[in-house]
Amino acid sequence: MLFPDKYEDISKNVLSIGISILKVMKKKHNLYELYTEVVQNRKDFYQLSFEQYLITLDFLYAINKIDLKEENLIKNEIK
């Protein structure tokens, strides 16, 4: 879900998934390598779908937290 409500599991929220992605991103990552690392590092019972992963990457790109360079995702540093 893009917009949370009181009945939604917080682990399905774009912000929660985005935090998980940013915690894993320490270096350049391939799109699929990053997905497998995020799925392995999430400690909830909810299985992250690839579609929700892509929606979250779109969100992180829109708020300028990640960038795409030469087919690799990189984390933008705070300036």
Protein backbone atom coordinates (compact mmCIF):
# COMPACT_ATOMS: atom_id res chain seq x y z
CA MET A 1 0.00 0.00 0.00
CA LEU A 2 1.20 3.47 -0.79
CA PHE A 3 -0.98 5.17 1.80
CA PRO A 4 -1.11 3.58 5.23
CA ASP A 5 -4.25 3.05 7.22
CA LYS A 6 -4.83 1.67 10.68
CA TYR A 7 -5.43 -1.86 9.37
CA GLU A 8 -2.26 -2.14 7.30
CA ASP A 9 0.81 -4.06 8.41
CA ILE A 10 3.59 -1.47 8.72
CA SER A 11 6.10 -3.79 7.04
CA LYS A 12 4.15 -3.43 3.76
CA ASN A 13 4.51 0.35 3.75
CA VAL A 14 6.75 2.07 1.18
CA LEU A 15 8.56 3.99 3.91
CA SER A 16 9.36 0.82 5.83
CA ILE A 17 10.59 -0.95 2.71
CA GLY A 18 12.60 2.15 1.75
CA ILE A 19 14.38 2.13 5.10
CA SER A 20 15.27 -1.53 4.59
CA ILE A 21 16.69 -0.75 1.14
CA LEU A 22 18.75 2.20 2.37
CA LYS A 23 20.18 0.16 5.26
CA VAL A 24 21.42 -2.49 2.83
CA MET A 25 22.87 -0.05 0.29
CA LYS A 26 26.50 0.53 1.24
CA LYS A 27 27.96 0.31 -2.26
CA LYS A 28 26.84 0.01 -5.85
CA HIS A 29 24.23 -2.68 -6.37
CA ASN A 30 22.67 -4.40 -9.30
CA LEU A 31 18.85 -4.23 -9.25
CA TYR A 32 18.42 -7.96 -8.61
CA GLU A 33 21.33 -8.32 -6.18
CA LEU A 34 19.89 -5.56 -4.03
CA TYR A 35 16.46 -7.22 -4.04
CA THR A 36 17.86 -10.52 -2.78
CA GLU A 37 19.85 -8.76 -0.03
CA VAL A 38 16.81 -6.78 1.10
CA VAL A 39 14.64 -9.90 1.22
CA GLN A 40 17.29 -11.75 3.25
CA ASN A 41 17.77 -8.89 5.72
CA ARG A 42 14.10 -8.13 6.43
CA LYS A 43 13.09 -9.74 9.70
CA ASP A 44 9.31 -9.79 9.29
CA PHE A 45 6.92 -12.49 8.19
CA TYR A 46 5.82 -10.54 5.13
CA GLN A 47 7.38 -11.62 1.83
CA LEU A 48 8.43 -8.56 -0.16
CA SER A 49 7.16 -8.76 -3.73
CA PHE A 50 9.31 -7.55 -6.60
CA GLU A 51 6.53 -5.14 -7.62
CA GLN A 52 6.52 -3.43 -4.21
CA TYR A 53 10.30 -3.34 -4.32
CA LEU A 54 10.21 -1.49 -7.66
CA ILE A 55 7.54 0.94 -6.41
CA THR A 56 9.75 1.71 -3.42
CA LEU A 57 12.77 2.27 -5.66
CA ASP A 58 10.68 4.73 -7.69
CA PHE A 59 9.78 6.53 -4.47
CA LEU A 60 13.41 6.68 -3.30
CA TYR A 61 14.49 7.98 -6.71
CA ALA A 62 11.75 10.63 -6.65
CA ILE A 63 12.93 11.96 -3.29
CA ASN A 64 16.56 11.86 -4.48
CA LYS A 65 17.80 9.18 -2.06
CA ILE A 66 19.10 6.83 -4.78
CA ASP A 67 20.39 7.24 -8.31
CA LEU A 68 21.06 5.00 -11.29
CA LYS A 69 24.58 5.03 -12.73
CA GLU A 70 25.72 2.59 -15.40
CA GLU A 71 22.99 0.03 -14.60
CA ASN A 72 23.81 0.13 -10.88
CA LEU A 73 21.86 1.68 -8.05
CA ILE A 74 23.82 3.98 -5.76
CA LYS A 75 22.83 5.73 -2.56
CA ASN A 76 22.94 9.52 -2.65
CA GLU A 77 24.81 11.01 0.28
CA ILE A 78 23.37 13.88 2.29
CA LYS A 79 24.88 17.17 1.22
